[in-house]
Amino acid sequence: PGYDREAGAYLGIQCTSEQQGAVWKHTLFKCFDKKNLSSM
């Protein structure tokens, strides 16, 4: 609460099989403070 994701950011992750074993596949995303939107 009080934080929001970057527009269009996908917050999902999936457990997949890689050569080194099972790993979580992610993308980059941000949770930012809604109060400080204009201040960057």
ModelCIF file with pLDDT and N, C-alpha, C, O atoms, coordinates in Angstrom:
data_MODEL
#
_entry.id   MODEL 
#
_entity.id                         1 
_entity.type                       polymer 
_entity.pdbx_number_of_molecules   1 
#
_entity_poly.entity_id                      1 
_entity_poly.type                           'polypeptide(L)' 
_entity_poly.nstd_linkage                   no 
_entity_poly.nstd_monomer                   no 
_entity_poly.pdbx_seq_one_letter_code       PGYDREAGAYLGIQCTSEQQGAVWKHTLFKCFDKKNLSSM 
_entity_poly.pdbx_seq_one_letter_code_can   PGYDREAGAYLGIQCTSEQQGAVWKHTLFKCFDKKNLSSM 
_entity_poly.pdbx_strand_id                 A 
#
loop_
_entity_poly_seq.entity_id 
_entity_poly_seq.num 
_entity_poly_seq.mon_id 
_entity_poly_seq.hetero 
1 1  PRO n 
1 2  GLY n 
1 3  TYR n 
1 4  ASP n 
1 5  ARG n 
1 6  GLU n 
1 7  ALA n 
1 8  GLY n 
1 9  ALA n 
1 10 TYR n 
1 11 LEU n 
1 12 GLY n 
1 13 ILE n 
1 14 GLN n 
1 15 CYS n 
1 16 THR n 
1 17 SER n 
1 18 GLU n 
1 19 GLN n 
1 20 GLN n 
1 21 GLY n 
1 22 ALA n 
1 23 VAL n 
1 24 TRP n 
1 25 LYS n 
1 26 HIS n 
1 27 THR n 
1 28 LEU n 
1 29 PHE n 
1 30 LYS n 
1 31 CYS n 
1 32 PHE n 
1 33 ASP n 
1 34 LYS n 
1 35 LYS n 
1 36 ASN n 
1 37 LEU n 
1 38 SER n 
1 39 SER n 
1 40 MET n 
#
_struct_asym.id          A 
_struct_asym.entity_id   1 
#
loop_
_ma_qa_metric.id 
_ma_qa_metric.mode 
_ma_qa_metric.name 
_ma_qa_metric.software_group_id 
_ma_qa_metric.type 
1 global pLDDT . pLDDT 
2 local  pLDDT . pLDDT 
#
_ma_qa_metric_global.metric_id      1 
_ma_qa_metric_global.metric_value   81.50 
_ma_qa_metric_global.model_id       1 
_ma_qa_metric_global.ordinal_id     1 
#
loop_
_ma_qa_metric_local.label_asym_id 
_ma_qa_metric_local.label_comp_id 
_ma_qa_metric_local.label_seq_id 
_ma_qa_metric_local.metric_id 
_ma_qa_metric_local.metric_value 
_ma_qa_metric_local.model_id 
_ma_qa_metric_local.ordinal_id 
A PRO 1  2 91.00 1 1  
A GLY 2  2 90.00 1 2  
A TYR 3  2 92.00 1 3  
A ASP 4  2 89.00 1 4  
A ARG 5  2 85.00 1 5  
A GLU 6  2 80.00 1 6  
A ALA 7  2 79.00 1 7  
A GLY 8  2 80.00 1 8  
A ALA 9  2 82.00 1 9  
A TYR 10 2 84.00 1 10 
A LEU 11 2 85.00 1 11 
A GLY 12 2 89.00 1 12 
A ILE 13 2 91.00 1 13 
A GLN 14 2 92.00 1 14 
A CYS 15 2 94.00 1 15 
A THR 16 2 93.00 1 16 
A SER 17 2 92.00 1 17 
A GLU 18 2 89.00 1 18 
A GLN 19 2 85.00 1 19 
A GLN 20 2 83.00 1 20 
A GLY 21 2 89.00 1 21 
A ALA 22 2 91.00 1 22 
A VAL 23 2 91.00 1 23 
A TRP 24 2 92.00 1 24 
A LYS 25 2 90.00 1 25 
A HIS 26 2 83.00 1 26 
A THR 27 2 80.00 1 27 
A LEU 28 2 75.00 1 28 
A PHE 29 2 76.00 1 29 
A LYS 30 2 77.00 1 30 
A CYS 31 2 86.00 1 31 
A PHE 32 2 85.00 1 32 
A ASP 33 2 88.00 1 33 
A LYS 34 2 81.00 1 34 
A LYS 35 2 78.00 1 35 
A ASN 36 2 73.00 1 36 
A LEU 37 2 58.00 1 37 
A SER 38 2 44.00 1 38 
A SER 39 2 39.00 1 39 
A MET 40 2 39.00 1 40 
#
loop_
_atom_site.group_PDB 
_atom_site.id 
_atom_site.type_symbol 
_atom_site.label_atom_id 
_atom_site.label_alt_id 
_atom_site.label_comp_id 
_atom_site.label_asym_id 
_atom_site.label_entity_id 
_atom_site.label_seq_id 
_atom_site.pdbx_PDB_ins_code 
_atom_site.Cartn_x 
_atom_site.Cartn_y 
_atom_site.Cartn_z 
_atom_site.occupancy 
_atom_site.B_iso_or_equiv 
_atom_site.pdbx_formal_charge 
_atom_site.auth_seq_id 
_atom_site.auth_comp_id 
_atom_site.auth_asym_id 
_atom_site.auth_atom_id 
_atom_site.pdbx_PDB_model_num 
ATOM 1   N N  . PRO A 1 1  ? 0.843  -1.203  0.000   1.00 91.00 ? 1  PRO A N  1 
ATOM 2   C CA . PRO A 1 1  ? 0.000  0.000   0.000   1.00 91.00 ? 1  PRO A CA 1 
ATOM 3   C C  . PRO A 1 1  ? 0.880  1.255   0.000   1.00 91.00 ? 1  PRO A C  1 
ATOM 4   O O  . PRO A 1 1  ? 1.865  1.338   0.733   1.00 91.00 ? 1  PRO A O  1 
ATOM 5   N N  . GLY A 1 2  ? 0.507  2.221   -0.829  1.00 90.00 ? 2  GLY A N  1 
ATOM 6   C CA . GLY A 1 2  ? 1.284  3.451   -0.947  1.00 90.00 ? 2  GLY A CA 1 
ATOM 7   C C  . GLY A 1 2  ? 2.352  3.384   -2.027  1.00 90.00 ? 2  GLY A C  1 
ATOM 8   O O  . GLY A 1 2  ? 3.010  4.382   -2.320  1.00 90.00 ? 2  GLY A O  1 
ATOM 9   N N  . TYR A 1 3  ? 2.524  2.197   -2.624  1.00 92.00 ? 3  TYR A N  1 
ATOM 10  C CA . TYR A 1 3  ? 3.503  1.996   -3.690  1.00 92.00 ? 3  TYR A CA 1 
ATOM 11  C C  . TYR A 1 3  ? 2.782  1.484   -4.926  1.00 92.00 ? 3  TYR A C  1 
ATOM 12  O O  . TYR A 1 3  ? 1.725  0.862   -4.824  1.00 92.00 ? 3  TYR A O  1 
ATOM 13  N N  . ASP A 1 4  ? 3.349  1.746   -6.079  1.00 89.00 ? 4  ASP A N  1 
ATOM 14  C CA . ASP A 1 4  ? 2.739  1.301   -7.326  1.00 89.00 ? 4  ASP A CA 1 
ATOM 15  C C  . ASP A 1 4  ? 3.841  0.786   -8.245  1.00 89.00 ? 4  ASP A C  1 
ATOM 16  O O  . ASP A 1 4  ? 5.016  1.116   -8.088  1.00 89.00 ? 4  ASP A O  1 
ATOM 17  N N  . ARG A 1 5  ? 3.428  -0.029  -9.205  1.00 85.00 ? 5  ARG A N  1 
ATOM 18  C CA . ARG A 1 5  ? 4.395  -0.564  -10.161 1.00 85.00 ? 5  ARG A CA 1 
ATOM 19  C C  . ARG A 1 5  ? 4.593  0.411   -11.306 1.00 85.00 ? 5  ARG A C  1 
ATOM 20  O O  . ARG A 1 5  ? 3.742  1.255   -11.586 1.00 85.00 ? 5  ARG A O  1 
ATOM 21  N N  . GLU A 1 6  ? 5.722  0.275   -11.951 1.00 80.00 ? 6  GLU A N  1 
ATOM 22  C CA . GLU A 1 6  ? 6.005  1.060   -13.142 1.00 80.00 ? 6  GLU A CA 1 
ATOM 23  C C  . GLU A 1 6  ? 4.977  0.686   -14.201 1.00 80.00 ? 6  GLU A C  1 
ATOM 24  O O  . GLU A 1 6  ? 4.610  -0.484  -14.317 1.00 80.00 ? 6  GLU A O  1 
ATOM 25  N N  . ALA A 1 7  ? 4.505  1.664   -14.978 1.00 79.00 ? 7  ALA A N  1 
ATOM 26  C CA . ALA A 1 7  ? 3.492  1.400   -16.007 1.00 79.00 ? 7  ALA A CA 1 
ATOM 27  C C  . ALA A 1 7  ? 3.960  0.286   -16.933 1.00 79.00 ? 7  ALA A C  1 
ATOM 28  O O  . ALA A 1 7  ? 5.071  0.328   -17.462 1.00 79.00 ? 7  ALA A O  1 
ATOM 29  N N  . GLY A 1 8  ? 3.103  -0.708  -17.122 1.00 80.00 ? 8  GLY A N  1 
ATOM 30  C CA . GLY A 1 8  ? 3.408  -1.812  -18.030 1.00 80.00 ? 8  GLY A CA 1 
ATOM 31  C C  . GLY A 1 8  ? 4.304  -2.889  -17.445 1.00 80.00 ? 8  GLY A C  1 
ATOM 32  O O  . GLY A 1 8  ? 4.558  -3.893  -18.110 1.00 80.00 ? 8  GLY A O  1 
ATOM 33  N N  . ALA A 1 9  ? 4.793  -2.714  -16.219 1.00 82.00 ? 9  ALA A N  1 
ATOM 34  C CA . ALA A 1 9  ? 5.683  -3.707  -15.615 1.00 82.00 ? 9  ALA A CA 1 
ATOM 35  C C  . ALA A 1 9  ? 4.902  -4.967  -15.256 1.00 82.00 ? 9  ALA A C  1 
ATOM 36  O O  . ALA A 1 9  ? 3.808  -4.894  -14.697 1.00 82.00 ? 9  ALA A O  1 
ATOM 37  N N  . TYR A 1 10 ? 5.475  -6.118  -15.584 1.00 84.00 ? 10 TYR A N  1 
ATOM 38  C CA . TYR A 1 10 ? 4.853  -7.405  -15.281 1.00 84.00 ? 10 TYR A CA 1 
ATOM 39  C C  . TYR A 1 10 ? 5.454  -7.932  -13.993 1.00 84.00 ? 10 TYR A C  1 
ATOM 40  O O  . TYR A 1 10 ? 6.665  -8.141  -13.916 1.00 84.00 ? 10 TYR A O  1 
ATOM 41  N N  . LEU A 1 11 ? 4.628  -8.150  -12.983 1.00 85.00 ? 11 LEU A N  1 
ATOM 42  C CA . LEU A 1 11 ? 5.107  -8.553  -11.663 1.00 85.00 ? 11 LEU A CA 1 
ATOM 43  C C  . LEU A 1 11 ? 5.101  -10.066 -11.463 1.00 85.00 ? 11 LEU A C  1 
ATOM 44  O O  . LEU A 1 11 ? 5.292  -10.545 -10.345 1.00 85.00 ? 11 LEU A O  1 
ATOM 45  N N  . GLY A 1 12 ? 4.883  -10.818 -12.539 1.00 89.00 ? 12 GLY A N  1 
ATOM 46  C CA . GLY A 1 12 ? 4.831  -12.269 -12.430 1.00 89.00 ? 12 GLY A CA 1 
ATOM 47  C C  . GLY A 1 12 ? 6.208  -12.907 -12.556 1.00 89.00 ? 12 GLY A C  1 
ATOM 48  O O  . GLY A 1 12 ? 7.108  -12.363 -13.196 1.00 89.00 ? 12 GLY A O  1 
ATOM 49  N N  . ILE A 1 13 ? 6.351  -14.075 -11.931 1.00 91.00 ? 13 ILE A N  1 
ATOM 50  C CA . ILE A 1 13 ? 7.560  -14.897 -12.037 1.00 91.00 ? 13 ILE A CA 1 
ATOM 51  C C  . ILE A 1 13 ? 7.111  -16.340 -12.254 1.00 91.00 ? 13 ILE A C  1 
ATOM 52  O O  . ILE A 1 13 ? 5.996  -16.710 -11.886 1.00 91.00 ? 13 ILE A O  1 
ATOM 53  N N  . GLN A 1 14 ? 7.986  -17.156 -12.856 1.00 92.00 ? 14 GLN A N  1 
ATOM 54  C CA . GLN A 1 14 ? 7.631  -18.554 -13.092 1.00 92.00 ? 14 GLN A CA 1 
ATOM 55  C C  . GLN A 1 14 ? 8.826  -19.444 -12.801 1.00 92.00 ? 14 GLN A C  1 
ATOM 56  O O  . GLN A 1 14 ? 9.964  -19.107 -13.128 1.00 92.00 ? 14 GLN A O  1 
ATOM 57  N N  . CYS A 1 15 ? 8.550  -20.591 -12.180 1.00 94.00 ? 15 CYS A N  1 
ATOM 58  C CA . CYS A 1 15 ? 9.577  -21.591 -11.905 1.00 94.00 ? 15 CYS A CA 1 
ATOM 59  C C  . CYS A 1 15 ? 9.797  -22.403 -13.182 1.00 94.00 ? 15 CYS A C  1 
ATOM 60  O O  . CYS A 1 15 ? 8.888  -23.089 -13.650 1.00 94.00 ? 15 CYS A O  1 
ATOM 61  N N  . THR A 1 16 ? 10.999 -22.324 -13.739 1.00 93.00 ? 16 THR A N  1 
ATOM 62  C CA . THR A 1 16 ? 11.304 -23.026 -14.979 1.00 93.00 ? 16 THR A CA 1 
ATOM 63  C C  . THR A 1 16 ? 12.574 -23.858 -14.813 1.00 93.00 ? 16 THR A C  1 
ATOM 64  O O  . THR A 1 16 ? 13.348 -23.655 -13.877 1.00 93.00 ? 16 THR A O  1 
ATOM 65  N N  . SER A 1 17 ? 12.767 -24.778 -15.720 1.00 92.00 ? 17 SER A N  1 
ATOM 66  C CA . SER A 1 17 ? 13.928 -25.665 -15.677 1.00 92.00 ? 17 SER A CA 1 
ATOM 67  C C  . SER A 1 17 ? 15.030 -25.112 -16.577 1.00 92.00 ? 17 SER A C  1 
ATOM 68  O O  . SER A 1 17 ? 14.809 -24.861 -17.762 1.00 92.00 ? 17 SER A O  1 
ATOM 69  N N  . GLU A 1 18 ? 16.200 -24.930 -16.010 1.00 89.00 ? 18 GLU A N  1 
ATOM 70  C CA . GLU A 1 18 ? 17.385 -24.483 -16.739 1.00 89.00 ? 18 GLU A CA 1 
ATOM 71  C C  . GLU A 1 18 ? 18.465 -25.541 -16.550 1.00 89.00 ? 18 GLU A C  1 
ATOM 72  O O  . GLU A 1 18 ? 18.272 -26.509 -15.814 1.00 89.00 ? 18 GLU A O  1 
ATOM 73  N N  . GLN A 1 19 ? 19.587 -25.357 -17.208 1.00 85.00 ? 19 GLN A N  1 
ATOM 74  C CA . GLN A 1 19 ? 20.670 -26.335 -17.119 1.00 85.00 ? 19 GLN A CA 1 
ATOM 75  C C  . GLN A 1 19 ? 21.124 -26.540 -15.672 1.00 85.00 ? 19 GLN A C  1 
ATOM 76  O O  . GLN A 1 19 ? 21.452 -27.656 -15.271 1.00 85.00 ? 19 GLN A O  1 
ATOM 77  N N  . GLN A 1 20 ? 21.141 -25.452 -14.889 1.00 83.00 ? 20 GLN A N  1 
ATOM 78  C CA . GLN A 1 20 ? 21.592 -25.558 -13.502 1.00 83.00 ? 20 GLN A CA 1 
ATOM 79  C C  . GLN A 1 20 ? 20.488 -26.028 -12.555 1.00 83.00 ? 20 GLN A C  1 
ATOM 80  O O  . GLN A 1 20 ? 20.731 -26.185 -11.359 1.00 83.00 ? 20 GLN A O  1 
ATOM 81  N N  . GLY A 1 21 ? 19.278 -26.255 -13.073 1.00 89.00 ? 21 GLY A N  1 
ATOM 82  C CA . GLY A 1 21 ? 18.166 -26.721 -12.246 1.00 89.00 ? 21 GLY A CA 1 
ATOM 83  C C  . GLY A 1 21 ? 16.985 -25.774 -12.336 1.00 89.00 ? 21 GLY A C  1 
ATOM 84  O O  . GLY A 1 21 ? 16.879 -24.977 -13.269 1.00 89.00 ? 21 GLY A O  1 
ATOM 85  N N  . ALA A 1 22 ? 16.107 -25.871 -11.362 1.00 91.00 ? 22 ALA A N  1 
ATOM 86  C CA . ALA A 1 22 ? 14.898 -25.041 -11.341 1.00 91.00 ? 22 ALA A CA 1 
ATOM 87  C C  . ALA A 1 22 ? 15.257 -23.636 -10.871 1.00 91.00 ? 22 ALA A C  1 
ATOM 88  O O  . ALA A 1 22 ? 15.931 -23.465 -9.855  1.00 91.00 ? 22 ALA A O  1 
ATOM 89  N N  . VAL A 1 23 ? 14.801 -22.628 -11.622 1.00 91.00 ? 23 VAL A N  1 
ATOM 90  C CA . VAL A 1 23 ? 15.057 -21.233 -11.269 1.00 91.00 ? 23 VAL A CA 1 
ATOM 91  C C  . VAL A 1 23 ? 13.802 -20.407 -11.526 1.00 91.00 ? 23 VAL A C  1 
ATOM 92  O O  . VAL A 1 23 ? 12.955 -20.776 -12.339 1.00 91.00 ? 23 VAL A O  1 
ATOM 93  N N  . TRP A 1 24 ? 13.699 -19.290 -10.823 1.00 92.00 ? 24 TRP A N  1 
ATOM 94  C CA . TRP A 1 24 ? 12.622 -18.337 -11.060 1.00 92.00 ? 24 TRP A CA 1 
ATOM 95  C C  . TRP A 1 24 ? 13.006 -17.456 -12.231 1.00 92.00 ? 24 TRP A C  1 
ATOM 96  O O  . TRP A 1 24 ? 14.105 -16.901 -12.247 1.00 92.00 ? 24 TRP A O  1 
ATOM 97  N N  . LYS A 1 25 ? 12.125 -17.313 -13.210 1.00 90.00 ? 25 LYS A N  1 
ATOM 98  C CA . LYS A 1 25 ? 12.327 -16.400 -14.337 1.00 90.00 ? 25 LYS A CA 1 
ATOM 99  C C  . LYS A 1 25 ? 11.569 -15.117 -14.023 1.00 90.00 ? 25 LYS A C  1 
ATOM 100 O O  . LYS A 1 25 ? 10.373 -15.149 -13.734 1.00 90.00 ? 25 LYS A O  1 
ATOM 101 N N  . HIS A 1 26 ? 12.267 -13.996 -14.081 1.00 83.00 ? 26 HIS A N  1 
ATOM 102 C CA . HIS A 1 26 ? 11.723 -12.693 -13.707 1.00 83.00 ? 26 HIS A CA 1 
ATOM 103 C C  . HIS A 1 26 ? 11.969 -11.685 -14.810 1.00 83.00 ? 26 HIS A C  1 
ATOM 104 O O  . HIS A 1 26 ? 12.710 -11.951 -15.756 1.00 83.00 ? 26 HIS A O  1 
ATOM 105 N N  . THR A 1 27 ? 11.348 -10.533 -14.684 1.00 80.00 ? 27 THR A N  1 
ATOM 106 C CA . THR A 1 27 ? 11.673 -9.366  -15.481 1.00 80.00 ? 27 THR A CA 1 
ATOM 107 C C  . THR A 1 27 ? 11.989 -8.225  -14.524 1.00 80.00 ? 27 THR A C  1 
ATOM 108 O O  . THR A 1 27 ? 11.711 -8.317  -13.329 1.00 80.00 ? 27 THR A O  1 
ATOM 109 N N  . LEU A 1 28 ? 12.567 -7.159  -15.046 1.00 75.00 ? 28 LEU A N  1 
ATOM 110 C CA . LEU A 1 28 ? 12.836 -5.992  -14.216 1.00 75.00 ? 28 LEU A CA 1 
ATOM 111 C C  . LEU A 1 28 ? 11.539 -5.257  -13.921 1.00 75.00 ? 28 LEU A C  1 
ATOM 112 O O  . LEU A 1 28 ? 10.699 -5.098  -14.807 1.00 75.00 ? 28 LEU A O  1 
ATOM 113 N N  . PHE A 1 29 ? 11.368 -4.808  -12.689 1.00 76.00 ? 29 PHE A N  1 
ATOM 114 C CA . PHE A 1 29 ? 10.230 -3.958  -12.374 1.00 76.00 ? 29 PHE A CA 1 
ATOM 115 C C  . PHE A 1 29 ? 10.552 -3.103  -11.169 1.00 76.00 ? 29 PHE A C  1 
ATOM 116 O O  . PHE A 1 29 ? 11.519 -3.357  -10.451 1.00 76.00 ? 29 PHE A O  1 
ATOM 117 N N  . LYS A 1 30 ? 9.726  -2.079  -10.951 1.00 77.00 ? 30 LYS A N  1 
ATOM 118 C CA . LYS A 1 30 ? 9.923  -1.150  -9.842  1.00 77.00 ? 30 LYS A CA 1 
ATOM 119 C C  . LYS A 1 30 ? 8.634  -1.011  -9.065  1.00 77.00 ? 30 LYS A C  1 
ATOM 120 O O  . LYS A 1 30 ? 7.552  -0.961  -9.651  1.00 77.00 ? 30 LYS A O  1 
ATOM 121 N N  . CYS A 1 31 ? 8.741  -0.949  -7.748  1.00 86.00 ? 31 CYS A N  1 
ATOM 122 C CA . CYS A 1 31 ? 7.637  -0.512  -6.898  1.00 86.00 ? 31 CYS A CA 1 
ATOM 123 C C  . CYS A 1 31 ? 8.082  0.834   -6.344  1.00 86.00 ? 31 CYS A C  1 
ATOM 124 O O  . CYS A 1 31 ? 9.055  0.911   -5.594  1.00 86.00 ? 31 CYS A O  1 
ATOM 125 N N  . PHE A 1 32 ? 7.369  1.898   -6.714  1.00 85.00 ? 32 PHE A N  1 
ATOM 126 C CA . PHE A 1 32 ? 7.791  3.229   -6.314  1.00 85.00 ? 32 PHE A CA 1 
ATOM 127 C C  . PHE A 1 32 ? 6.734  3.880   -5.423  1.00 85.00 ? 32 PHE A C  1 
ATOM 128 O O  . PHE A 1 32 ? 5.559  3.514   -5.442  1.00 85.00 ? 32 PHE A O  1 
ATOM 129 N N  . ASP A 1 33 ? 7.198  4.858   -4.641  1.00 88.00 ? 33 ASP A N  1 
ATOM 130 C CA . ASP A 1 33 ? 6.348  5.575   -3.699  1.00 88.00 ? 33 ASP A CA 1 
ATOM 131 C C  . ASP A 1 33 ? 5.401  6.480   -4.477  1.00 88.00 ? 33 ASP A C  1 
ATOM 132 O O  . ASP A 1 33 ? 5.855  7.362   -5.206  1.00 88.00 ? 33 ASP A O  1 
ATOM 133 N N  . LYS A 1 34 ? 4.100  6.279   -4.336  1.00 81.00 ? 34 LYS A N  1 
ATOM 134 C CA . LYS A 1 34 ? 3.101  7.078   -5.066  1.00 81.00 ? 34 LYS A CA 1 
ATOM 135 C C  . LYS A 1 34 ? 3.204  8.564   -4.736  1.00 81.00 ? 34 LYS A C  1 
ATOM 136 O O  . LYS A 1 34 ? 2.931  9.401   -5.596  1.00 81.00 ? 34 LYS A O  1 
ATOM 137 N N  . LYS A 1 35 ? 3.593  8.910   -3.504  1.00 78.00 ? 35 LYS A N  1 
ATOM 138 C CA . LYS A 1 35 ? 3.666  10.305  -3.078  1.00 78.00 ? 35 LYS A CA 1 
ATOM 139 C C  . LYS A 1 35 ? 4.762  11.071  -3.813  1.00 78.00 ? 35 LYS A C  1 
ATOM 140 O O  . LYS A 1 35 ? 4.657  12.284  -3.997  1.00 78.00 ? 35 LYS A O  1 
ATOM 141 N N  . ASN A 1 36 ? 5.807  10.370  -4.231  1.00 73.00 ? 36 ASN A N  1 
ATOM 142 C CA . ASN A 1 36 ? 6.961  11.033  -4.834  1.00 73.00 ? 36 ASN A CA 1 
ATOM 143 C C  . ASN A 1 36 ? 7.001  10.890  -6.346  1.00 73.00 ? 36 ASN A C  1 
ATOM 144 O O  . ASN A 1 36 ? 8.079  10.947  -6.939  1.00 73.00 ? 36 ASN A O  1 
ATOM 145 N N  . LEU A 1 37 ? 5.859  10.707  -6.978  1.00 58.00 ? 37 LEU A N  1 
ATOM 146 C CA . LEU A 1 37 ? 5.832  10.518  -8.432  1.00 58.00 ? 37 LEU A CA 1 
ATOM 147 C C  . LEU A 1 37 ? 6.438  11.691  -9.177  1.00 58.00 ? 37 LEU A C  1 
ATOM 148 O O  . LEU A 1 37 ? 7.233  11.496  -10.096 1.00 58.00 ? 37 LEU A O  1 
ATOM 149 N N  . SER A 1 38 ? 6.070  12.916  -8.790  1.00 44.00 ? 38 SER A N  1 
ATOM 150 C CA . SER A 1 38 ? 6.526  14.079  -9.547  1.00 44.00 ? 38 SER A CA 1 
ATOM 151 C C  . SER A 1 38 ? 7.974  14.437  -9.250  1.00 44.00 ? 38 SER A C  1 
ATOM 152 O O  . SER A 1 38 ? 8.603  15.139  -10.042 1.00 44.00 ? 38 SER A O  1 
ATOM 153 N N  . SER A 1 39 ? 8.516  13.976  -8.134  1.00 39.00 ? 39 SER A N  1 
ATOM 154 C CA . SER A 1 39 ? 9.878  14.350  -7.760  1.00 39.00 ? 39 SER A CA 1 
ATOM 155 C C  . SER A 1 39 ? 10.935 13.415  -8.342  1.00 39.00 ? 39 SER A C  1 
ATOM 156 O O  . SER A 1 39 ? 12.130 13.625  -8.137  1.00 39.00 ? 39 SER A O  1 
ATOM 157 N N  . MET A 1 40 ? 10.500 12.388  -9.064  1.00 39.00 ? 40 MET A N  1 
ATOM 158 C CA . MET A 1 40 ? 11.446 11.409  -9.621  1.00 39.00 ? 40 MET A CA 1 
ATOM 159 C C  . MET A 1 40 ? 12.327 10.823  -8.523  1.00 39.00 ? 40 MET A C  1 
ATOM 160 O O  . MET A 1 40 ? 13.183 9.983   -8.800  1.00 39.00 ? 40 MET A O  1 
#
